[in-house]
Amino acid sequence: MSSTSGIIHAELASHLRVSPAFLHDALRLREDLGLTNIDLAWIVMRVETLELGSDEFPLETLDTVQTIGELDEAFDDWLCQRDTYEDIRVDRIAMVAPPPSR
């Protein structure tokens, strides 16, 4: 399972109003789940906002993505190419984590 797989599954489940347990990587986004490119763009933007606080994922990539597993891979490939991913994660964790108690 990829680093973002759980987040993507949770967002898909929320959008579809189903249990995340229902979703698996081989399900086809359009044929099996009935998602449109607009649905997929919305889901990707939610994942970006929740996880990274940005909206730079190349949406044209969605044209070639067929399954949940391929969406996970496309998102992870994009994250690997980002130089600032770790910096953003560290900044977001620092904003959320409470200071240590003394």
N, C-alpha and C. Protein backbone atom coordinates (compact mmCIF):
# COMPACT_ATOMS: atom_id res chain seq x y z
N MET A 1 0.85 -1.18 0.00
CA MET A 1 0.00 0.00 0.00
C MET A 1 0.89 1.24 0.00
N SER A 2 0.54 2.22 -0.81
CA SER A 2 1.35 3.43 -0.94
C SER A 2 1.17 4.34 0.26
N SER A 3 2.02 5.35 0.35
CA SER A 3 1.96 6.27 1.48
C SER A 3 0.68 7.08 1.50
N THR A 4 0.08 7.33 0.35
CA THR A 4 -1.15 8.11 0.29
C THR A 4 -2.39 7.24 0.08
N SER A 5 -2.21 5.96 -0.04
CA SER A 5 -3.32 5.06 -0.37
C SER A 5 -4.48 5.18 0.61
N GLY A 6 -4.18 5.18 1.89
CA GLY A 6 -5.24 5.27 2.89
C GLY A 6 -6.02 6.57 2.78
N ILE A 7 -5.32 7.65 2.49
CA ILE A 7 -5.97 8.95 2.36
C ILE A 7 -6.85 8.96 1.11
N ILE A 8 -6.32 8.45 0.02
CA ILE A 8 -7.10 8.39 -1.23
C ILE A 8 -8.32 7.50 -1.05
N HIS A 9 -8.16 6.36 -0.42
CA HIS A 9 -9.29 5.46 -0.18
C HIS A 9 -10.34 6.16 0.70
N ALA A 10 -9.90 6.86 1.72
CA ALA A 10 -10.83 7.56 2.61
C ALA A 10 -11.60 8.65 1.86
N GLU A 11 -10.92 9.40 1.00
CA GLU A 11 -11.59 10.45 0.24
C GLU A 11 -12.55 9.86 -0.79
N LEU A 12 -12.14 8.79 -1.45
CA LEU A 12 -13.05 8.11 -2.39
C LEU A 12 -14.28 7.60 -1.65
N ALA A 13 -14.08 6.97 -0.50
CA ALA A 13 -15.20 6.43 0.28
C ALA A 13 -16.14 7.54 0.71
N SER A 14 -15.58 8.64 1.15
CA SER A 14 -16.41 9.78 1.56
C SER A 14 -17.21 10.32 0.39
N HIS A 15 -16.56 10.47 -0.75
CA HIS A 15 -17.23 10.99 -1.94
C HIS A 15 -18.34 10.05 -2.41
N LEU A 16 -18.08 8.76 -2.35
CA LEU A 16 -19.05 7.76 -2.81
C LEU A 16 -20.06 7.36 -1.74
N ARG A 17 -19.78 7.79 -0.51
CA ARG A 17 -20.62 7.43 0.64
C ARG A 17 -20.69 5.92 0.83
N VAL A 18 -19.49 5.32 0.84
CA VAL A 18 -19.37 3.88 1.11
C VAL A 18 -18.27 3.69 2.15
N SER A 19 -18.19 2.49 2.68
CA SER A 19 -17.12 2.16 3.62
C SER A 19 -15.80 2.03 2.87
N PRO A 20 -14.70 2.53 3.46
CA PRO A 20 -13.39 2.34 2.83
C PRO A 20 -13.06 0.86 2.61
N ALA A 21 -13.63 0.00 3.43
CA ALA A 21 -13.39 -1.44 3.29
C ALA A 21 -13.93 -1.98 1.97
N PHE A 22 -14.89 -1.29 1.39
CA PHE A 22 -15.48 -1.69 0.10
C PHE A 22 -14.50 -1.48 -1.05
N LEU A 23 -13.57 -0.54 -0.88
CA LEU A 23 -12.68 -0.14 -1.97
C LEU A 23 -11.41 -0.98 -2.00
N HIS A 24 -11.00 -1.35 -3.20
CA HIS A 24 -9.72 -2.04 -3.37
C HIS A 24 -9.06 -1.53 -4.64
N ASP A 25 -7.77 -1.75 -4.76
CA ASP A 25 -6.97 -1.15 -5.83
C ASP A 25 -7.39 -1.54 -7.24
N ALA A 26 -8.03 -2.68 -7.42
CA ALA A 26 -8.39 -3.12 -8.77
C ALA A 26 -9.70 -2.52 -9.27
N LEU A 27 -10.45 -1.85 -8.40
CA LEU A 27 -11.72 -1.25 -8.85
C LEU A 27 -11.44 -0.15 -9.87
N ARG A 28 -12.21 -0.18 -10.96
CA ARG A 28 -12.06 0.83 -12.00
C ARG A 28 -12.86 2.07 -11.60
N LEU A 29 -12.19 3.20 -11.69
CA LEU A 29 -12.77 4.45 -11.21
C LEU A 29 -14.04 4.84 -11.95
N ARG A 30 -14.01 4.73 -13.25
CA ARG A 30 -15.16 5.17 -14.05
C ARG A 30 -16.20 4.05 -14.23
N GLU A 31 -15.75 2.88 -14.64
CA GLU A 31 -16.67 1.79 -14.95
C GLU A 31 -17.30 1.19 -13.70
N ASP A 32 -16.50 0.88 -12.69
CA ASP A 32 -17.02 0.22 -11.50
C ASP A 32 -17.63 1.20 -10.49
N LEU A 33 -17.01 2.38 -10.36
CA LEU A 33 -17.46 3.33 -9.35
C LEU A 33 -18.29 4.48 -9.91
N GLY A 34 -18.32 4.61 -11.24
CA GLY A 34 -19.13 5.65 -11.87
C GLY A 34 -18.61 7.06 -11.70
N LEU A 35 -17.32 7.20 -11.44
CA LEU A 35 -16.74 8.53 -11.25
C LEU A 35 -16.46 9.20 -12.58
N THR A 36 -16.60 10.51 -12.60
CA THR A 36 -16.27 11.31 -13.77
C THR A 36 -14.92 11.98 -13.53
N ASN A 37 -14.36 12.60 -14.56
CA ASN A 37 -13.11 13.34 -14.38
C ASN A 37 -13.28 14.48 -13.38
N ILE A 38 -14.45 15.07 -13.34
CA ILE A 38 -14.70 16.14 -12.36
C ILE A 38 -14.68 15.57 -10.95
N ASP A 39 -15.30 14.40 -10.75
CA ASP A 39 -15.24 13.73 -9.44
C ASP A 39 -13.79 13.47 -9.04
N LEU A 40 -13.01 12.94 -9.97
CA LEU A 40 -11.61 12.61 -9.68
C LEU A 40 -10.80 13.86 -9.36
N ALA A 41 -11.03 14.92 -10.11
CA ALA A 41 -10.31 16.18 -9.84
C ALA A 41 -10.65 16.68 -8.44
N TRP A 42 -11.91 16.61 -8.07
CA TRP A 42 -12.35 17.05 -6.74
C TRP A 42 -11.65 16.21 -5.66
N ILE A 43 -11.62 14.90 -5.84
CA ILE A 43 -11.00 14.01 -4.86
C ILE A 43 -9.51 14.30 -4.74
N VAL A 44 -8.83 14.46 -5.87
CA VAL A 44 -7.39 14.76 -5.85
C VAL A 44 -7.14 16.09 -5.14
N MET A 45 -7.96 17.10 -5.41
CA MET A 45 -7.78 18.40 -4.75
C MET A 45 -8.00 18.28 -3.25
N ARG A 46 -8.95 17.45 -2.81
CA ARG A 46 -9.16 17.22 -1.37
C ARG A 46 -7.94 16.56 -0.74
N VAL A 47 -7.39 15.55 -1.42
CA VAL A 47 -6.21 14.87 -0.89
C VAL A 47 -5.05 15.86 -0.79
N GLU A 48 -4.85 16.67 -1.83
CA GLU A 48 -3.77 17.66 -1.80
C GLU A 48 -3.95 18.63 -0.65
N THR A 49 -5.16 19.13 -0.48
CA THR A 49 -5.42 20.11 0.57
C THR A 49 -5.23 19.52 1.95
N LEU A 50 -5.77 18.33 2.15
CA LEU A 50 -5.65 17.69 3.46
C LEU A 50 -4.22 17.28 3.77
N GLU A 51 -3.52 16.78 2.79
CA GLU A 51 -2.20 16.21 3.01
C GLU A 51 -1.08 17.20 2.80
N LEU A 52 -1.21 18.06 1.82
CA LEU A 52 -0.08 18.91 1.45
C LEU A 52 -0.36 20.40 1.50
N GLY A 53 -1.60 20.78 1.49
CA GLY A 53 -1.94 22.19 1.49
C GLY A 53 -1.63 22.87 0.16
N SER A 54 -1.63 22.11 -0.92
CA SER A 54 -1.34 22.68 -2.23
C SER A 54 -2.29 22.10 -3.26
N ASP A 55 -2.24 22.65 -4.46
CA ASP A 55 -3.11 22.15 -5.52
C ASP A 55 -2.36 22.11 -6.85
N GLU A 56 -1.27 21.36 -6.88
CA GLU A 56 -0.41 21.34 -8.05
C GLU A 56 -0.39 20.02 -8.81
N PHE A 57 -1.19 19.04 -8.40
CA PHE A 57 -1.20 17.75 -9.08
C PHE A 57 -1.63 17.98 -10.53
N PRO A 58 -0.90 17.39 -11.51
CA PRO A 58 -1.25 17.59 -12.91
C PRO A 58 -2.54 16.82 -13.26
N LEU A 59 -3.64 17.53 -13.34
CA LEU A 59 -4.94 16.89 -13.54
C LEU A 59 -5.04 16.13 -14.85
N GLU A 60 -4.20 16.47 -15.84
CA GLU A 60 -4.22 15.72 -17.10
C GLU A 60 -3.81 14.26 -16.88
N THR A 61 -3.12 13.98 -15.79
CA THR A 61 -2.74 12.61 -15.44
C THR A 61 -3.98 11.75 -15.25
N LEU A 62 -5.07 12.35 -14.80
CA LEU A 62 -6.30 11.60 -14.54
C LEU A 62 -6.88 10.97 -15.80
N ASP A 63 -6.52 11.50 -16.97
CA ASP A 63 -7.02 10.94 -18.23
C ASP A 63 -6.53 9.51 -18.46
N THR A 64 -5.38 9.17 -17.90
CA THR A 64 -4.80 7.84 -18.13
C THR A 64 -4.99 6.89 -16.94
N VAL A 65 -5.47 7.38 -15.83
CA VAL A 65 -5.67 6.57 -14.64
C VAL A 65 -6.98 5.81 -14.78
N GLN A 66 -6.93 4.49 -14.58
CA GLN A 66 -8.12 3.65 -14.73
C GLN A 66 -8.64 3.08 -13.41
N THR A 67 -7.74 2.73 -12.49
CA THR A 67 -8.13 2.04 -11.26
C THR A 67 -7.70 2.84 -10.03
N ILE A 68 -8.21 2.43 -8.87
CA ILE A 68 -7.80 3.07 -7.62
C ILE A 68 -6.29 2.89 -7.43
N GLY A 69 -5.78 1.71 -7.72
CA GLY A 69 -4.34 1.46 -7.59
C GLY A 69 -3.52 2.38 -8.48
N GLU A 70 -3.98 2.61 -9.70
CA GLU A 70 -3.26 3.52 -10.61
C GLU A 70 -3.33 4.97 -10.11
N LEU A 71 -4.44 5.34 -9.48
CA LEU A 71 -4.54 6.68 -8.90
C LEU A 71 -3.54 6.83 -7.76
N ASP A 72 -3.45 5.81 -6.90
CA ASP A 72 -2.45 5.80 -5.82
C ASP A 72 -1.04 5.98 -6.39
N GLU A 73 -0.72 5.19 -7.42
CA GLU A 73 0.62 5.25 -8.02
C GLU A 73 0.89 6.61 -8.64
N ALA A 74 -0.09 7.17 -9.35
CA ALA A 74 0.10 8.48 -9.98
C ALA A 74 0.34 9.55 -8.93
N PHE A 75 -0.40 9.48 -7.83
CA PHE A 75 -0.23 10.47 -6.77
C PHE A 75 1.14 10.31 -6.12
N ASP A 76 1.54 9.06 -5.84
CA ASP A 76 2.85 8.83 -5.23
C ASP A 76 3.99 9.23 -6.16
N ASP A 77 3.86 8.95 -7.46
CA ASP A 77 4.89 9.36 -8.42
C ASP A 77 5.05 10.88 -8.41
N TRP A 78 3.91 11.57 -8.38
CA TRP A 78 3.95 13.04 -8.35
C TRP A 78 4.62 13.53 -7.08
N LEU A 79 4.29 12.91 -5.95
CA LEU A 79 4.90 13.32 -4.68
C LEU A 79 6.41 13.10 -4.69
N CYS A 80 6.85 12.01 -5.28
CA CYS A 80 8.29 11.72 -5.35
C CYS A 80 9.04 12.76 -6.17
N GLN A 81 8.36 13.37 -7.14
CA GLN A 81 9.00 14.37 -7.98
C GLN A 81 9.04 15.74 -7.32
N ARG A 82 8.27 15.92 -6.30
CA ARG A 82 8.23 17.23 -5.63
C ARG A 82 9.42 17.37 -4.69
N ASP A 83 10.17 18.40 -4.87
CA ASP A 83 11.32 18.66 -3.99
C ASP A 83 10.88 19.10 -2.61
N THR A 84 9.72 19.72 -2.51
CA THR A 84 9.32 20.33 -1.24
C THR A 84 8.40 19.46 -0.41
N TYR A 85 8.10 18.25 -0.85
CA TYR A 85 7.13 17.42 -0.12
C TYR A 85 7.50 17.26 1.35
N GLU A 86 8.71 16.86 1.65
CA GLU A 86 9.10 16.65 3.04
C GLU A 86 9.06 17.94 3.83
N ASP A 87 9.48 19.05 3.21
CA ASP A 87 9.44 20.33 3.91
C ASP A 87 8.00 20.70 4.27
N ILE A 88 7.08 20.48 3.35
CA ILE A 88 5.68 20.80 3.61
C ILE A 88 5.15 19.92 4.73
N ARG A 89 5.44 18.62 4.69
CA ARG A 89 4.96 17.71 5.74
C ARG A 89 5.50 18.13 7.10
N VAL A 90 6.78 18.45 7.18
CA VAL A 90 7.37 18.85 8.45
C VAL A 90 6.70 20.12 8.95
N ASP A 91 6.48 21.09 8.07
CA ASP A 91 5.82 22.34 8.46
C ASP A 91 4.41 22.07 8.95
N ARG A 92 3.66 21.22 8.26
CA ARG A 92 2.28 20.93 8.67
C ARG A 92 2.25 20.19 10.00
N ILE A 93 3.16 19.28 10.22
CA ILE A 93 3.22 18.55 11.49
C ILE A 93 3.55 19.52 12.61
N ALA A 94 4.48 20.44 12.35
CA ALA A 94 4.86 21.42 13.37
C ALA A 94 3.67 22.32 13.72
N MET A 95 2.83 22.63 12.73
CA MET A 95 1.67 23.48 12.99
C MET A 95 0.60 22.75 13.82
N VAL A 96 0.51 21.44 13.65
CA VAL A 96 -0.54 20.67 14.29
C VAL A 96 -0.11 20.12 15.65
N ALA A 97 1.15 19.73 15.74
CA ALA A 97 1.64 19.08 16.96
C ALA A 97 1.72 20.09 18.10
N PRO A 98 1.18 19.73 19.27
CA PRO A 98 1.28 20.63 20.41
C PRO A 98 2.71 20.66 20.94
N PRO A 99 3.10 21.75 21.54
CA PRO A 99 4.46 21.81 22.10
C PRO A 99 4.58 20.80 23.24
N PRO A 100 5.79 20.29 23.45
CA PRO A 100 5.97 19.32 24.54
C PRO A 100 5.67 19.97 25.88
N SER A 101 5.01 19.21 26.76
CA SER A 101 4.70 19.73 28.10
C SER A 101 5.93 19.60 28.99
N ARG A 102 6.01 20.50 29.90
CA ARG A 102 7.17 20.50 30.83
C ARG A 102 6.71 20.34 32.24
